[in-house]
Protein backbone atom coordinates (compact mmCIF):
# COMPACT_ATOMS: atom_id res chain seq x y z
CA MET A 1 15.48 9.68 -18.41
CA ASN A 2 14.53 11.06 -15.06
CA PRO A 3 13.87 7.89 -12.80
CA SER A 4 10.56 9.29 -11.85
CA ASP A 5 9.48 9.32 -15.56
CA GLU A 6 10.13 5.49 -16.07
CA PRO A 7 7.00 3.66 -17.11
CA ILE A 8 5.66 1.13 -14.69
CA LYS A 9 6.72 -2.32 -15.79
CA GLU A 10 4.85 -5.57 -15.42
CA THR A 11 7.31 -8.31 -14.47
CA ILE A 12 4.96 -10.89 -12.99
CA GLU A 13 1.79 -12.33 -14.61
CA GLU A 14 -1.17 -10.98 -12.53
CA VAL A 15 -3.97 -13.16 -11.22
CA GLN A 16 -7.63 -12.53 -10.90
CA TRP A 17 -8.07 -11.98 -7.12
CA THR A 18 -10.09 -9.68 -4.97
CA ASP A 19 -10.22 -9.60 -1.21
CA ASP A 20 -13.90 -10.70 -0.85
CA SER A 21 -12.51 -14.29 -1.30
CA ILE A 22 -11.12 -13.81 2.15
CA ARG A 23 -13.85 -11.89 4.02
CA TRP A 24 -16.85 -13.95 2.81
CA GLU A 25 -15.30 -17.39 2.22
CA GLY A 26 -12.75 -17.43 4.90
CA GLY A 27 -9.73 -18.68 2.81
CA LEU A 28 -6.79 -17.18 1.00
CA HIS A 29 -7.00 -18.33 -2.61
CA VAL A 30 -6.69 -17.26 -6.13
CA LYS A 31 -9.45 -17.01 -8.54
CA LYS A 32 -9.10 -18.43 -12.11
CA ALA A 33 -9.69 -16.07 -14.90
CA ALA A 34 -13.16 -16.52 -16.51
CA ASP A 35 -13.08 -18.58 -19.56
CA GLU A 36 -15.33 -18.27 -22.66
CA SER A 37 -18.03 -20.51 -21.25
CA ASP A 38 -18.25 -18.47 -18.31
CA LYS A 39 -18.62 -15.32 -20.40
CA GLU A 40 -21.49 -16.96 -22.39
CA SER A 41 -23.28 -17.99 -19.18
CA ASP A 42 -23.10 -14.42 -17.88
CA ASP A 43 -24.72 -13.09 -21.13
CA ASP A 44 -27.60 -15.37 -20.37
CA GLU A 45 -28.32 -13.95 -16.97
CA ASP A 46 -30.97 -11.39 -16.55
CA TYR A 47 -29.69 -7.77 -16.02
CA VAL A 48 -31.09 -6.31 -13.11
CA VAL A 49 -31.21 -2.42 -12.55
CA ASP A 50 -30.61 -1.12 -8.95
CA PRO A 51 -32.63 2.04 -8.65
CA PHE A 52 -30.82 2.85 -5.35
CA LYS A 53 -27.37 2.53 -6.70
CA ASP A 54 -25.32 5.81 -6.49
CA PRO A 55 -24.92 7.11 -10.07
CA ASP A 56 -21.65 8.59 -9.23
CA PRO A 57 -19.88 6.36 -6.69
CA PHE A 58 -16.45 7.84 -7.12
CA GLU A 59 -14.72 10.45 -4.95
CA LEU A 60 -11.61 12.56 -5.40
CA PHE A 61 -9.73 12.70 -2.06
CA SER A 62 -7.41 15.74 -1.67
CA PHE A 63 -4.48 15.97 0.71
CA GLN A 64 -1.90 18.64 1.51
CA PHE A 65 1.05 17.80 3.84
CA GLU A 66 3.52 20.19 5.25
CA ARG A 67 7.11 19.19 5.80
CA PRO A 68 8.13 19.68 9.36
CA GLY A 69 10.93 22.15 10.40
CA ASP A 70 11.86 25.54 9.28
CA LYS A 71 11.51 26.80 5.77
CA SER A 72 15.37 26.91 5.35
CA SER A 73 15.10 23.12 5.00
CA CYS A 74 13.17 23.52 1.78
CA ASP A 75 13.76 25.64 -1.23
CA GLY A 76 10.53 27.60 -1.44
CA GLU A 77 6.90 27.20 -0.28
CA LYS A 78 6.25 24.60 -3.07
CA ASP A 79 8.86 22.29 -1.64
CA LYS A 80 7.45 22.65 1.85
CA LEU A 81 4.06 21.46 0.75
CA ILE A 82 3.09 18.10 -0.61
CA ASP A 83 -0.32 18.05 -2.57
CA ILE A 84 -1.66 14.42 -3.36
CA GLN A 85 -4.96 13.57 -4.94
CA ILE A 86 -6.38 10.08 -4.63
CA ARG A 87 -9.37 8.92 -6.58
CA GLY A 88 -11.48 6.01 -5.55
CA TYR A 89 -14.78 4.99 -4.57
CA LYS A 90 -16.96 6.43 -1.75
CA THR A 91 -16.75 4.32 1.45
CA ASP A 92 -20.47 3.29 1.12
CA ALA A 93 -20.14 2.34 -2.50
CA ASP A 94 -21.29 -1.14 -3.57
CA GLU A 95 -17.95 -1.88 -5.12
CA VAL A 96 -16.15 -1.61 -1.74
CA TRP A 97 -17.97 -4.90 -0.53
CA GLN A 98 -16.02 -6.80 -3.08
CA SER A 99 -12.59 -4.84 -2.86
CA THR A 100 -12.05 -3.00 0.44
CA GLY A 101 -9.11 -1.42 -1.20
CA LEU A 102 -11.16 0.85 -3.52
CA THR A 103 -11.67 3.55 -0.81
CA LEU A 104 -9.71 5.10 1.91
CA TRP A 105 -9.76 3.94 5.56
CA ARG A 106 -8.96 5.87 8.73
CA ALA A 107 -5.80 4.17 9.61
CA SER A 108 -4.11 5.47 6.44
CA ASP A 109 -4.51 8.99 7.92
CA TYR A 110 -2.83 7.85 11.13
CA LEU A 111 -0.02 6.38 9.04
CA CYS A 112 0.25 9.66 6.90
CA GLN A 113 0.86 11.66 10.20
CA TYR A 114 3.47 9.27 11.39
CA GLN A 115 5.11 9.38 8.04
CA MET A 116 5.39 13.18 8.10
CA GLU A 117 6.71 13.14 11.66
CA ASN A 118 9.45 10.57 10.63
CA LEU A 119 10.54 11.67 7.14
CA ASN A 120 14.10 10.44 7.86
CA LEU A 121 12.83 6.98 8.18
CA PHE A 122 12.07 7.06 4.32
CA GLN A 123 14.83 9.16 3.00
CA ASN A 124 17.24 7.25 0.59
CA LYS A 125 15.47 3.85 1.52
CA ARG A 126 13.94 1.08 -0.20
CA VAL A 127 10.10 1.23 0.85
CA LEU A 128 7.59 -1.37 0.19
CA GLU A 129 3.77 -0.71 1.01
CA LEU A 130 1.55 -3.90 1.47
CA GLY A 131 -2.20 -3.86 0.82
CA ALA A 132 -2.03 -0.37 -0.40
CA GLY A 133 -5.40 -0.07 -1.84
CA LEU A 134 -5.68 3.40 -3.51
CA GLY A 135 -2.02 4.06 -2.53
CA LEU A 136 -2.11 7.07 -0.24
CA ASN A 137 0.62 6.01 2.07
CA GLY A 138 3.03 4.63 -0.57
CA ILE A 139 2.51 7.87 -2.77
CA LEU A 140 3.40 9.98 0.29
CA ALA A 141 6.42 7.96 0.91
CA TRP A 142 7.44 8.51 -2.72
CA ARG A 143 6.57 12.19 -2.76
CA SER A 144 8.07 13.15 0.52
CA THR A 145 11.39 11.75 0.04
CA ALA A 146 12.81 14.57 -2.04
CA THR A 147 12.19 18.22 -2.91
CA ALA A 148 12.51 19.76 -6.35
CA SER A 149 15.92 21.15 -5.41
CA SER A 150 17.44 17.96 -4.12
CA THR A 151 17.97 14.29 -5.26
CA SER A 152 16.83 11.18 -3.73
CA SER A 153 17.89 7.41 -4.05
CA SER A 154 14.74 6.32 -2.44
CA GLU A 155 12.84 3.51 -4.18
CA VAL A 156 9.04 2.96 -3.30
CA CYS A 157 7.13 -0.13 -4.42
CA ILE A 158 3.47 0.07 -3.89
CA THR A 159 1.53 -3.23 -3.92
CA ASP A 160 -1.79 -4.84 -3.51
CA GLY A 161 -3.13 -8.26 -4.15
CA ASP A 162 -6.51 -7.14 -5.24
CA ILE A 163 -6.58 -6.88 -9.06
CA ASP A 164 -9.45 -4.23 -9.06
CA ALA A 165 -7.47 -2.13 -6.44
CA LEU A 166 -4.44 -2.25 -8.67
CA VAL A 167 -6.13 -0.45 -11.53
CA HIS A 168 -6.93 2.48 -9.35
CA LEU A 169 -3.59 2.40 -7.56
CA ARG A 170 -1.80 2.88 -10.75
CA GLU A 171 -4.04 5.58 -12.01
CA ASN A 172 -3.45 7.49 -8.56
CA VAL A 173 0.44 6.99 -9.07
CA GLU A 174 0.22 8.61 -12.55
CA ARG A 175 -2.22 11.29 -11.32
CA ASN A 176 0.30 12.40 -8.72
CA ARG A 177 3.37 11.96 -10.95
CA SER A 178 1.76 14.81 -13.09
CA THR A 179 1.71 17.19 -10.09
CA VAL A 180 5.48 16.89 -9.57
CA SER A 181 6.88 20.25 -10.78
CA ASN A 182 10.30 21.89 -11.84
CA GLY A 183 11.51 18.52 -13.00
CA GLY A 184 12.78 17.46 -9.59
CA ASP A 185 13.99 14.09 -8.78
CA VAL A 186 11.36 12.51 -6.58
CA GLY A 187 12.86 8.96 -6.67
CA LYS A 188 11.56 5.84 -8.22
CA VAL A 189 8.12 4.48 -7.94
CA SER A 190 6.40 1.28 -9.12
CA CYS A 191 3.09 -0.71 -8.56
CA HIS A 192 2.96 -4.56 -8.52
CA GLN A 193 0.54 -7.18 -7.45
CA LEU A 194 1.67 -9.02 -4.37
CA ILE A 195 -0.44 -11.80 -2.79
CA TRP A 196 0.91 -12.44 0.61
CA GLY A 197 2.56 -15.86 1.55
CA LYS A 198 5.99 -17.35 1.64
CA GLN A 199 6.01 -18.81 -1.95
CA SER A 200 4.67 -15.60 -3.64
CA SER A 201 6.77 -13.29 -1.75
CA GLU A 202 9.95 -15.27 -2.71
CA HIS A 203 8.93 -15.05 -6.31
CA PHE A 204 8.21 -11.37 -5.84
CA LEU A 205 11.73 -10.82 -4.20
CA SER A 206 13.40 -12.61 -7.12
CA HIS A 207 11.38 -11.16 -10.07
CA VAL A 208 10.45 -7.80 -9.01
CA ALA A 209 12.79 -6.82 -6.10
CA ASN A 210 15.86 -8.07 -7.92
CA ASP A 211 16.80 -9.98 -4.63
CA LYS A 212 17.03 -6.64 -2.77
CA LYS A 213 15.19 -6.65 0.51
CA TYR A 214 13.34 -3.47 1.76
CA ASP A 215 14.44 -1.10 4.49
CA VAL A 216 10.93 -0.11 5.39
CA ILE A 217 7.53 -1.91 4.99
CA LEU A 218 4.44 0.00 5.31
CA ALA A 219 0.79 -1.04 5.92
CA SER A 220 -2.50 0.48 7.09
CA ASP A 221 -5.94 -1.06 7.68
CA ILE A 222 -4.95 -4.53 6.62
CA ILE A 223 -6.18 -6.66 9.41
CA TYR A 224 -9.63 -7.87 8.69
CA SER A 225 -9.60 -11.56 8.86
CA PRO A 226 -7.46 -14.18 10.94
CA VAL A 227 -6.57 -16.06 7.75
CA ILE A 228 -4.15 -13.32 6.53
CA VAL A 229 -2.07 -13.02 9.69
CA GLU A 230 0.27 -15.82 8.91
CA PRO A 231 0.73 -15.04 5.26
CA LEU A 232 1.38 -11.36 6.33
CA TRP A 233 4.33 -12.24 8.52
CA GLU A 234 5.56 -14.81 5.95
CA THR A 235 5.66 -11.90 3.49
CA VAL A 236 7.29 -9.42 5.97
CA GLU A 237 9.87 -12.05 7.03
CA THR A 238 10.72 -12.76 3.30
CA LEU A 239 10.97 -9.12 2.08
CA LEU A 240 12.25 -7.09 5.09
CA LYS A 241 15.84 -6.45 5.40
CA LYS A 242 17.44 -8.41 8.26
CA PRO A 243 20.36 -7.07 10.51
CA ASN A 244 23.78 -7.95 9.42
CA GLY A 245 25.77 -8.09 12.68
CA CYS A 246 27.20 -4.70 13.62
CA GLU A 247 27.51 -3.61 10.15
CA GLU A 248 23.95 -2.99 9.06
CA GLU A 249 20.66 -2.63 10.83
CA GLY A 250 17.59 -4.50 10.00
CA GLY A 251 14.57 -3.03 8.35
CA VAL A 252 11.35 -1.89 10.02
CA PHE A 253 7.72 -2.70 9.45
CA VAL A 254 5.35 0.13 10.28
CA MET A 255 1.79 -0.80 10.51
CA ALA A 256 -1.28 1.39 11.25
CA TYR A 257 -4.17 -0.41 12.95
CA ALA A 258 -7.84 0.73 13.58
CA LYS A 259 -10.00 -1.59 15.67
CA ARG A 260 -13.03 -2.72 13.72
CA LYS A 261 -15.72 -5.38 14.14
CA VAL A 262 -13.70 -8.20 12.56
CA PRO A 263 -12.86 -11.62 13.78
CA VAL A 264 -9.14 -10.74 14.47
CA SER A 265 -7.30 -8.80 17.00
CA ILE A 266 -4.08 -6.70 17.18
CA GLU A 267 -2.91 -9.20 19.98
CA LEU A 268 -3.01 -12.07 17.42
CA VAL A 269 -1.10 -10.12 15.01
CA CYS A 270 1.61 -9.26 17.55
CA GLU A 271 1.86 -12.69 18.89
CA THR A 272 2.26 -14.01 15.34
CA ALA A 273 5.08 -11.44 14.77
CA VAL A 274 6.95 -12.81 17.83
CA GLU A 275 6.62 -16.36 16.45
CA HIS A 276 8.39 -15.23 13.31
CA GLY A 277 11.11 -13.69 15.35
CA PHE A 278 10.07 -10.08 15.38
CA VAL A 279 9.88 -7.65 18.33
CA TYR A 280 7.23 -4.97 18.37
CA GLU A 281 6.29 -1.75 20.00
CA LEU A 282 3.37 0.61 20.09
CA VAL A 283 4.96 3.89 18.88
CA LYS A 284 1.90 6.17 18.69
CA GLY A 285 -1.77 5.79 19.73
CA ASP A 286 -3.26 2.94 21.64
CA ASP A 287 -4.71 -0.66 21.17
CA GLU A 288 -7.82 0.86 19.50
CA ASP A 289 -6.12 3.08 16.94
CA GLY A 290 -2.32 3.08 16.70
CA ILE A 291 1.05 2.85 14.95
CA TRP A 292 2.83 -0.54 15.59
C-alpha cells in the first residue's frame, strides 16, 4: 500500500473541547461530553430561528503554489504546481465565534509563503502542525515534500485541540489526497487531536508519535489568549527534537504571527520561549506580521 493511502487512525480517545472555552472564560479546560440528561434538557428549549443567519456559511478556498527554481527540478508542469482546496466557514460566520479554527486567517498565508521559500526545511522530515484549524499549512507541508516522480520519507502530523475543527481538518486532508495524481509518493499524513500542555503532550508523544520527536513544528495565528502561552511552550519543549551534541541538530519551531486586538503580545510569547530554553529570531516580516 502506498503510505499516502493509509487511512487516518485514531489512537487517542478524543475529548469535547472547543477554543471558546479559552477566549470567553479565560481558562484552558476540557468539556465533558453531554450526557443523556443534558440532551433531554436541550430538547425542552425553545428553538429560535435567526433570520439574519447566512444560509450558506461555507466557503471553498482554492490555492495554487509554484515550486521555486527552474523546471528541470520538476518532472513536468504538474509537479511544479501544487493545487490545494480548503473548505471551511466564511470568516464572519457565527460558527467561528465558537471555534476560530473553522476558517482561514491571514498569518496562514504568511506561513505558506515562507514554506514555499524554504522547501528544504521540510524535505524528508517529521513535521507537526499545532492549532492547524482547517489544515492549510500542514497540507502544504505534506503536498510539497515530493513530486509524482520522486519519493519522500517525510511524515506530517496535523493537529488541533478543537473537536469541531478536527472534523473539517480531516475532510480537507481527504479532499487534497484525491488531487494527488500519477500515483506519486507524497509522504505520510495523519490528523490527531492535541490539546496543549506537558501531560497531554507526553501522552501524545508516547501514543501517537511512537516516542519520536519532530524535526519541524509549524503554527500560524495561534496566539489569542495569555492562558495558552505556557501550555504552548510545554508542548513544543516536549515534542520538538533536541540537539544531540555535534551529531544531530535540534528541531525548529516556525510560527507565523499576525497582531490582533487580543490581550497577549508577541513579546510575552518570546519571553516565555526563553524561559523554556529556546532562542528565537524574526526571520521574515516585523512585530506586526511576521515569521518567528
